[in-house]
Amino acid sequence: VASTDMIHLIFKSITLHMANSSSAALPSCTYNEDFKRFLLPIVYSVVFIIGLPLNIAVILRIWGTRRALSRNNIYMLNLAVADFLYVCSLPLLIYNYARRDYWPFGDFTCRLVRFQFYSNLHGSIFFLTCISFQRYLGICHPLAQWPKRGGRRLAWVVCACVWVTVAVLVAPTFEFAATGIQRNRTVCYDLSVPERSAQYVPYGLALTCLGFLVPFLIIVRLYCSMARVLCRPAEARGEAAEVKKSKAVKMIVIVVIVFAISFLPFHVTKTLYLLVRTMPTAPCELRNLLAVIYKSTRPFASVNSVLDPILFYFTQSKFRQGTRRVLLKITTLREKIG
C-alpha cells in the first residue's frame, strides 16, 4: 500500500510539474477584447428580453397540461427549465461586459454563472437528443412506442439521468472558473485562470467530446434514418409516419438551425482556442485571433435559449392555436379601445 501511495504521489508531482512548466513556457500576450464591450451586452440583452418571456410561456403552457403530458413535452419542459435558469443569469453578464469585464459579484457567483452557462449548453444538447430520438421512434419504429403511462414515467427517469449527467460533466467548472485581478480590476475567467490553462485543456476537450460530439453524431444518425423514411413514397411510409411527417420536418429544420448557430461554431472555435493557447510556439497574433473568434461565438451559444421555445411553438399545433386566439383577442380589444 505504501509503495502504491508513493507511486501515486510521484505521478501527481510529475503531472503538476509538466502543467506548470507548460504554462510557464507560454509567451506573454495581450489580448484585444474591446469588441466584447459592445457585442456581448447587446446579444445577451436580446436573448434575455426575448428568451425570458418565451421560456416562461412554454413552462406554464406545458405545466398546465401536466396530467396528460406526452413524452416529447416532458423533454421540452426540462429543456425550457434549463433555458430559463440560464437566462436568469444574463443580467450579471450584461453588466460585467458592459463594464469592460469588471466583476463585482464575488468568486462563488462567478463560478455559478459559468456553471449555469455550460449546464444550459450541454443540457440543451442532451434534451434535443432525447426529443430527436422520440421523433425517430415515431417515424421509423411507430409500433415500438412505449405504453402511454409507462412511457411518461420512463421519460421522467431519462430527464433525471440527463440532469445528473450534465451536473457531473460540468462540475469541474466550479474548480476551474474563478475570479482574478487583471489590469487592476476583478475579472471572472470563463474557462480557467491563466495559470491553469494547461490543466484545463484535457477537461475542456473531454467536455466537448462527451457533451457535444457524441450527442451530435447520434442526432446525425437519427436524422439520416428519418430522412430515408420520409423520402419514401407516401404509400411506402405507412399511415403513422405520414401523419407525423410535418412535425418531423419542422423539428429537423429547427434543430439543425440551433446546432448551426449555437452549438457547432462555439465548440469548433473553443477547441481550436484551447489547443492554440497552450502551445508555446503559437504566435501572439494567432492566439489573439482565435480568442476573438471564440469569444465572438460564445454569446451566440446562448441564442438556443430563444430558438428552443420556437421549436416548441412550431411542433405543437395546440400551442399555435392558443397563441393565435390570444393575439386575436388582443387585436380585437385594441380596436375596441381605439
Protein backbone atom coordinates (compact mmCIF):
# COMPACT_ATOMS: atom_id res chain seq x y z
CA VAL A 1 0.00 0.00 0.00
CA ALA A 2 2.85 2.36 0.92
CA SER A 3 4.57 1.76 -2.43
CA THR A 4 1.28 2.38 -4.28
CA ASP A 5 0.81 5.65 -2.43
CA MET A 6 4.39 6.64 -3.26
CA ILE A 7 3.91 5.91 -6.97
CA HIS A 8 0.67 7.91 -6.95
CA LEU A 9 2.44 10.83 -5.25
CA ILE A 10 5.32 10.75 -7.75
CA PHE A 11 2.92 10.60 -10.71
CA LYS A 12 0.92 13.51 -9.32
CA SER A 13 4.08 15.56 -8.81
CA ILE A 14 5.30 14.88 -12.35
CA THR A 15 1.90 15.80 -13.81
CA LEU A 16 1.77 19.02 -11.83
CA HIS A 17 5.34 19.86 -12.83
CA MET A 18 4.55 19.32 -16.54
CA ALA A 19 1.45 21.51 -16.31
CA ASN A 20 3.37 24.27 -14.53
CA SER A 21 6.24 24.05 -16.98
CA SER A 22 3.91 24.20 -19.96
CA SER A 23 2.07 27.17 -18.52
CA ALA A 24 5.33 28.96 -17.69
CA ALA A 25 6.68 28.45 -21.21
CA LEU A 26 3.79 30.28 -22.84
CA PRO A 27 4.60 33.67 -24.33
CA SER A 28 3.03 36.67 -22.69
CA CYS A 29 0.29 38.07 -24.93
CA THR A 30 -2.08 40.99 -24.51
CA TYR A 31 -5.48 40.25 -25.99
CA ASN A 32 -7.51 42.95 -27.69
CA GLU A 33 -11.03 42.34 -26.40
CA ASP A 34 -12.68 45.73 -26.75
CA PHE A 35 -15.28 44.14 -29.03
CA LYS A 36 -16.78 42.32 -26.03
CA ARG A 37 -17.93 45.62 -24.53
CA PHE A 38 -20.37 46.07 -27.42
CA LEU A 39 -21.13 42.64 -28.88
CA LEU A 40 -21.76 40.62 -25.74
CA PRO A 41 -24.07 43.03 -23.85
CA ILE A 42 -26.17 43.54 -26.99
CA VAL A 43 -26.59 39.83 -27.77
CA TYR A 44 -27.16 38.88 -24.13
CA SER A 45 -29.74 41.69 -23.72
CA VAL A 46 -31.67 40.49 -26.78
CA VAL A 47 -31.58 36.88 -25.53
CA PHE A 48 -32.75 37.97 -22.07
CA ILE A 49 -35.59 40.22 -23.31
CA ILE A 50 -36.92 37.61 -25.74
CA GLY A 51 -35.89 34.37 -24.05
CA LEU A 52 -37.27 35.08 -20.57
CA PRO A 53 -40.97 35.50 -21.54
CA LEU A 54 -40.76 32.78 -24.21
CA ASN A 55 -39.44 30.16 -21.80
CA ILE A 56 -41.87 31.20 -19.07
CA ALA A 57 -44.72 30.82 -21.58
CA VAL A 58 -43.51 27.34 -22.59
CA ILE A 59 -43.13 26.21 -18.97
CA LEU A 60 -46.59 27.48 -17.99
CA ARG A 61 -48.19 26.02 -21.10
CA ILE A 62 -46.70 22.55 -20.62
CA TRP A 63 -47.21 22.54 -16.85
CA GLY A 64 -50.86 23.46 -17.39
CA THR A 65 -51.35 20.10 -19.12
CA ARG A 66 -49.13 18.11 -16.74
CA ARG A 67 -51.74 15.39 -16.16
CA ALA A 68 -51.64 14.45 -19.84
CA LEU A 69 -48.05 15.18 -20.74
CA SER A 70 -46.58 13.41 -23.75
CA ARG A 71 -43.02 12.13 -23.64
CA ASN A 72 -41.98 14.83 -26.08
CA ASN A 73 -43.46 17.58 -23.88
CA ILE A 74 -41.67 16.20 -20.82
CA TYR A 75 -38.38 16.69 -22.63
CA MET A 76 -39.49 20.14 -23.83
CA LEU A 77 -40.41 21.13 -20.27
CA ASN A 78 -36.96 20.21 -18.97
CA LEU A 79 -35.36 21.98 -21.91
CA ALA A 80 -37.32 25.15 -21.13
CA VAL A 81 -36.36 24.96 -17.43
CA ALA A 82 -32.68 24.73 -18.38
CA ASP A 83 -33.04 27.73 -20.68
CA PHE A 84 -34.95 29.71 -18.06
CA LEU A 85 -32.29 29.14 -15.38
CA TYR A 86 -29.59 30.30 -17.77
CA VAL A 87 -31.47 33.38 -18.97
CA CYS A 88 -31.90 34.48 -15.35
CA SER A 89 -28.09 34.75 -15.04
CA LEU A 90 -27.67 37.02 -18.07
CA PRO A 91 -28.14 40.40 -16.30
CA LEU A 92 -24.90 39.75 -14.37
CA LEU A 93 -23.01 39.03 -17.60
CA ILE A 94 -24.54 42.06 -19.32
CA TYR A 95 -23.27 44.29 -16.50
CA ASN A 96 -19.89 42.53 -16.48
CA TYR A 97 -19.12 43.01 -20.18
CA ALA A 98 -20.62 46.50 -20.37
CA ARG A 99 -18.16 47.48 -17.62
CA ARG A 100 -15.14 46.08 -19.51
CA ASP A 101 -15.03 42.70 -17.73
CA TYR A 102 -15.37 44.19 -14.25
CA TRP A 103 -16.88 41.56 -11.90
CA PRO A 104 -18.08 42.87 -8.52
CA PHE A 105 -20.32 39.91 -7.62
CA GLY A 106 -17.81 37.65 -5.87
CA ASP A 107 -15.95 34.44 -6.67
CA PHE A 108 -18.81 31.99 -5.96
CA THR A 109 -21.23 33.89 -8.22
CA CYS A 110 -18.59 33.85 -10.97
CA ARG A 111 -18.27 30.07 -10.74
CA LEU A 112 -22.07 29.66 -10.57
CA VAL A 113 -22.71 31.76 -13.68
CA ARG A 114 -20.12 29.80 -15.66
CA PHE A 115 -21.65 26.57 -14.37
CA GLN A 116 -25.10 27.76 -15.49
CA PHE A 117 -23.83 28.59 -18.96
CA TYR A 118 -22.30 25.16 -19.59
CA SER A 119 -25.17 23.35 -17.86
CA ASN A 120 -27.66 25.03 -20.16
CA LEU A 121 -25.49 24.46 -23.20
CA HIS A 122 -24.96 20.73 -22.69
CA GLY A 123 -28.36 20.18 -21.09
CA SER A 124 -29.98 21.64 -24.20
CA ILE A 125 -27.91 19.37 -26.42
CA PHE A 126 -28.91 16.27 -24.43
CA PHE A 127 -32.61 17.17 -24.28
CA LEU A 128 -32.64 17.94 -28.02
CA THR A 129 -31.11 14.49 -28.50
CA CYS A 130 -33.94 12.97 -26.42
CA ILE A 131 -36.55 14.86 -28.47
CA SER A 132 -34.90 13.73 -31.71
CA PHE A 133 -34.86 10.12 -30.52
CA GLN A 134 -38.54 10.34 -29.57
CA ARG A 135 -39.41 11.65 -33.03
CA TYR A 136 -37.19 8.97 -34.59
CA LEU A 137 -39.23 6.26 -32.81
CA GLY A 138 -42.47 7.78 -34.07
CA ILE A 139 -41.26 7.89 -37.67
CA CYS A 140 -39.07 4.81 -38.05
CA HIS A 141 -40.50 2.49 -35.38
CA PRO A 142 -44.10 3.57 -34.72
CA LEU A 143 -45.06 0.15 -33.36
CA ALA A 144 -42.20 0.21 -30.83
CA GLN A 145 -43.67 3.11 -28.82
CA TRP A 146 -43.84 2.58 -25.06
CA PRO A 147 -47.18 2.25 -23.31
CA LYS A 148 -48.61 5.68 -22.56
CA ARG A 149 -48.33 5.65 -18.76
CA GLY A 150 -45.10 3.67 -18.54
CA GLY A 151 -43.56 5.78 -21.31
CA ARG A 152 -44.09 9.01 -19.37
CA ARG A 153 -42.51 7.50 -16.26
CA LEU A 154 -39.50 6.39 -18.29
CA ALA A 155 -39.23 9.86 -19.87
CA TRP A 156 -39.01 11.43 -16.40
CA VAL A 157 -36.30 8.93 -15.47
CA VAL A 158 -34.39 9.83 -18.64
CA CYS A 159 -34.67 13.54 -17.76
CA ALA A 160 -33.34 12.88 -14.26
CA CYS A 161 -30.41 10.98 -15.75
CA VAL A 162 -29.72 13.89 -18.11
CA TRP A 163 -29.63 16.40 -15.23
CA VAL A 164 -27.28 14.18 -13.23
CA THR A 165 -25.03 13.57 -16.24
CA VAL A 166 -24.84 17.28 -17.04
CA ALA A 167 -24.09 18.14 -13.40
CA VAL A 168 -21.25 15.61 -13.31
CA LEU A 169 -19.80 16.75 -16.64
CA VAL A 170 -19.92 20.44 -15.78
CA ALA A 171 -19.00 20.17 -12.07
CA PRO A 172 -15.26 20.83 -12.72
CA THR A 173 -16.29 24.31 -13.87
CA PHE A 174 -16.56 25.22 -10.20
CA GLU A 175 -12.90 24.25 -9.86
CA PHE A 176 -11.50 25.98 -12.95
CA ALA A 177 -13.65 29.12 -13.29
CA ALA A 178 -12.64 31.79 -10.81
CA THR A 179 -12.12 35.49 -10.31
CA GLY A 180 -8.75 37.16 -10.65
CA ILE A 181 -7.06 40.51 -10.97
CA GLN A 182 -6.42 41.86 -14.46
CA ARG A 183 -5.39 45.46 -15.14
CA ASN A 184 -6.09 46.41 -11.53
CA ARG A 185 -9.69 45.18 -11.60
CA THR A 186 -11.52 41.99 -10.65
CA VAL A 187 -12.49 39.79 -13.59
CA CYS A 188 -14.38 36.48 -13.91
CA TYR A 189 -12.50 34.00 -16.07
CA ASP A 190 -14.64 31.92 -18.37
CA LEU A 191 -12.55 28.74 -18.74
CA SER A 192 -9.80 28.95 -16.15
CA VAL A 193 -7.28 31.34 -14.68
CA PRO A 194 -4.26 31.75 -17.00
CA GLU A 195 -2.02 29.75 -14.66
CA ARG A 196 -4.21 26.65 -15.08
CA SER A 197 -4.67 26.77 -18.86
CA ALA A 198 -2.67 23.60 -19.47
CA GLN A 199 -4.61 21.73 -16.79
CA TYR A 200 -7.95 22.82 -18.26
CA VAL A 201 -7.26 21.58 -21.81
CA PRO A 202 -7.86 17.82 -21.19
CA TYR A 203 -11.09 18.58 -19.34
CA GLY A 204 -12.25 21.08 -21.96
CA LEU A 205 -11.65 18.61 -24.78
CA ALA A 206 -13.39 15.80 -22.87
CA LEU A 207 -16.39 18.06 -22.20
CA THR A 208 -16.63 18.93 -25.88
CA CYS A 209 -16.39 15.28 -26.88
CA LEU A 210 -18.90 13.88 -24.37
CA GLY A 211 -21.20 16.89 -24.15
CA PHE A 212 -21.34 17.82 -27.82
CA LEU A 213 -19.65 15.49 -30.29
CA VAL A 214 -21.26 12.22 -29.12
CA PRO A 215 -24.85 13.65 -28.98
CA PHE A 216 -24.25 15.43 -32.30
CA LEU A 217 -23.25 12.19 -34.03
CA ILE A 218 -26.28 10.43 -32.52
CA ILE A 219 -28.59 13.16 -33.85
CA VAL A 220 -27.00 12.98 -37.31
CA ARG A 221 -27.55 9.22 -37.33
CA LEU A 222 -31.18 9.59 -36.24
CA TYR A 223 -31.92 12.25 -38.84
CA CYS A 224 -30.37 10.19 -41.62
CA SER A 225 -32.66 7.31 -40.68
CA MET A 226 -35.70 9.61 -40.54
CA ALA A 227 -34.79 11.19 -43.88
CA ARG A 228 -34.73 7.78 -45.57
CA VAL A 229 -38.23 7.01 -44.28
CA LEU A 230 -39.66 10.46 -45.04
CA CYS A 231 -38.28 10.40 -48.59
CA ARG A 232 -40.12 7.18 -49.44
CA PRO A 233 -43.37 7.32 -51.45
CA ALA A 234 -46.42 8.05 -49.32
CA GLU A 235 -47.82 4.52 -49.63
CA ALA A 236 -44.49 3.01 -48.50
CA ARG A 237 -44.13 5.21 -45.42
CA GLY A 238 -47.25 3.98 -43.72
CA GLU A 239 -50.11 5.97 -42.25
CA ALA A 240 -48.44 6.63 -38.88
CA ALA A 241 -45.30 8.08 -40.44
CA GLU A 242 -47.33 10.16 -42.92
CA VAL A 243 -49.30 11.85 -40.14
CA LYS A 244 -46.11 12.78 -38.27
CA LYS A 245 -44.13 13.90 -41.33
CA SER A 246 -44.90 17.61 -40.95
CA LYS A 247 -43.83 17.75 -37.28
CA ALA A 248 -40.69 15.76 -38.01
CA VAL A 249 -39.61 18.02 -40.87
CA LYS A 250 -40.15 21.15 -38.77
CA MET A 251 -38.23 19.67 -35.86
CA ILE A 252 -35.33 18.63 -38.08
CA VAL A 253 -35.08 22.10 -39.62
CA ILE A 254 -35.16 23.92 -36.28
CA VAL A 255 -32.69 21.58 -34.54
CA VAL A 256 -30.30 21.94 -37.48
CA ILE A 257 -30.60 25.74 -37.17
CA VAL A 258 -29.92 25.55 -33.42
CA PHE A 259 -26.79 23.46 -33.98
CA ALA A 260 -25.62 25.62 -36.90
CA ILE A 261 -25.99 28.90 -34.97
CA SER A 262 -25.35 27.98 -31.35
CA PHE A 263 -23.52 24.72 -30.82
CA LEU A 264 -21.26 23.90 -33.77
CA PRO A 265 -19.41 27.25 -34.18
CA PHE A 266 -18.92 27.56 -30.42
CA HIS A 267 -17.42 24.10 -29.93
CA VAL A 268 -15.20 24.25 -33.02
CA THR A 269 -13.73 27.64 -32.10
CA LYS A 270 -13.44 26.70 -28.43
CA THR A 271 -11.45 23.56 -29.30
CA LEU A 272 -9.08 25.50 -31.56
CA TYR A 273 -8.66 28.19 -28.93
CA LEU A 274 -7.87 25.64 -26.21
CA LEU A 275 -5.27 23.89 -28.33
CA VAL A 276 -3.53 27.04 -29.54
CA ARG A 277 -3.43 29.00 -26.29
CA THR A 278 -1.34 26.28 -24.62
CA MET A 279 1.18 25.99 -27.50
CA PRO A 280 4.44 27.77 -26.59
CA THR A 281 5.31 28.17 -30.29
CA ALA A 282 1.99 29.78 -31.27
CA PRO A 283 2.47 33.47 -32.17
CA CYS A 284 0.51 36.06 -30.23
CA GLU A 285 -1.28 37.18 -33.40
CA LEU A 286 -2.76 33.70 -33.92
CA ARG A 287 -3.71 33.32 -30.25
CA ASN A 288 -5.36 36.74 -30.27
CA LEU A 289 -7.24 35.97 -33.50
CA LEU A 290 -8.63 32.68 -32.16
CA ALA A 291 -9.52 34.35 -28.86
CA VAL A 292 -11.58 36.95 -30.74
CA ILE A 293 -13.30 34.32 -32.91
CA TYR A 294 -14.07 32.04 -29.97
CA LYS A 295 -15.37 34.82 -27.72
CA SER A 296 -17.47 36.15 -30.60
CA THR A 297 -19.26 32.81 -30.92
CA ARG A 298 -19.78 32.45 -27.16
CA PRO A 299 -22.77 34.83 -26.91
CA PHE A 300 -24.44 33.13 -29.86
CA ALA A 301 -24.24 29.84 -27.96
CA SER A 302 -26.88 31.39 -25.67
CA VAL A 303 -29.23 32.04 -28.62
CA ASN A 304 -30.50 28.50 -28.21
CA SER A 305 -32.47 29.84 -25.21
CA VAL A 306 -34.57 31.72 -27.78
CA LEU A 307 -34.57 29.07 -30.51
CA ASP A 308 -35.68 26.23 -28.22
CA PRO A 309 -39.10 27.80 -27.47
CA ILE A 310 -39.53 28.32 -31.21
CA LEU A 311 -39.01 24.57 -31.61
CA PHE A 312 -41.88 24.01 -29.18
CA TYR A 313 -44.09 26.56 -30.97
CA PHE A 314 -43.69 25.07 -34.44
CA THR A 315 -44.12 21.46 -33.33
CA GLN A 316 -47.19 22.00 -31.12
CA SER A 317 -50.32 22.82 -33.12
CA LYS A 318 -52.45 23.36 -29.98
CA PHE A 319 -49.96 25.91 -28.67
CA ARG A 320 -50.01 27.77 -32.01
CA GLN A 321 -53.79 27.83 -32.00
CA GLY A 322 -53.86 29.11 -28.41
CA THR A 323 -51.34 31.83 -29.28
CA ARG A 324 -53.40 32.91 -32.27
CA ARG A 325 -56.52 33.17 -30.09
CA VAL A 326 -54.68 35.31 -27.56
CA LEU A 327 -53.29 37.59 -30.27
CA LEU A 328 -56.73 37.85 -31.87
CA LYS A 329 -58.28 38.86 -28.54
CA ILE A 330 -55.57 41.49 -28.02
CA THR A 331 -56.11 42.88 -31.53
CA THR A 332 -59.89 42.98 -31.03
CA LEU A 333 -59.51 44.72 -27.66
CA ARG A 334 -57.20 47.36 -29.17
CA GLU A 335 -59.69 48.02 -31.97
CA LYS A 336 -62.48 48.49 -29.44
CA ILE A 337 -60.38 50.85 -27.33
CA GLY A 338 -59.24 52.74 -30.42
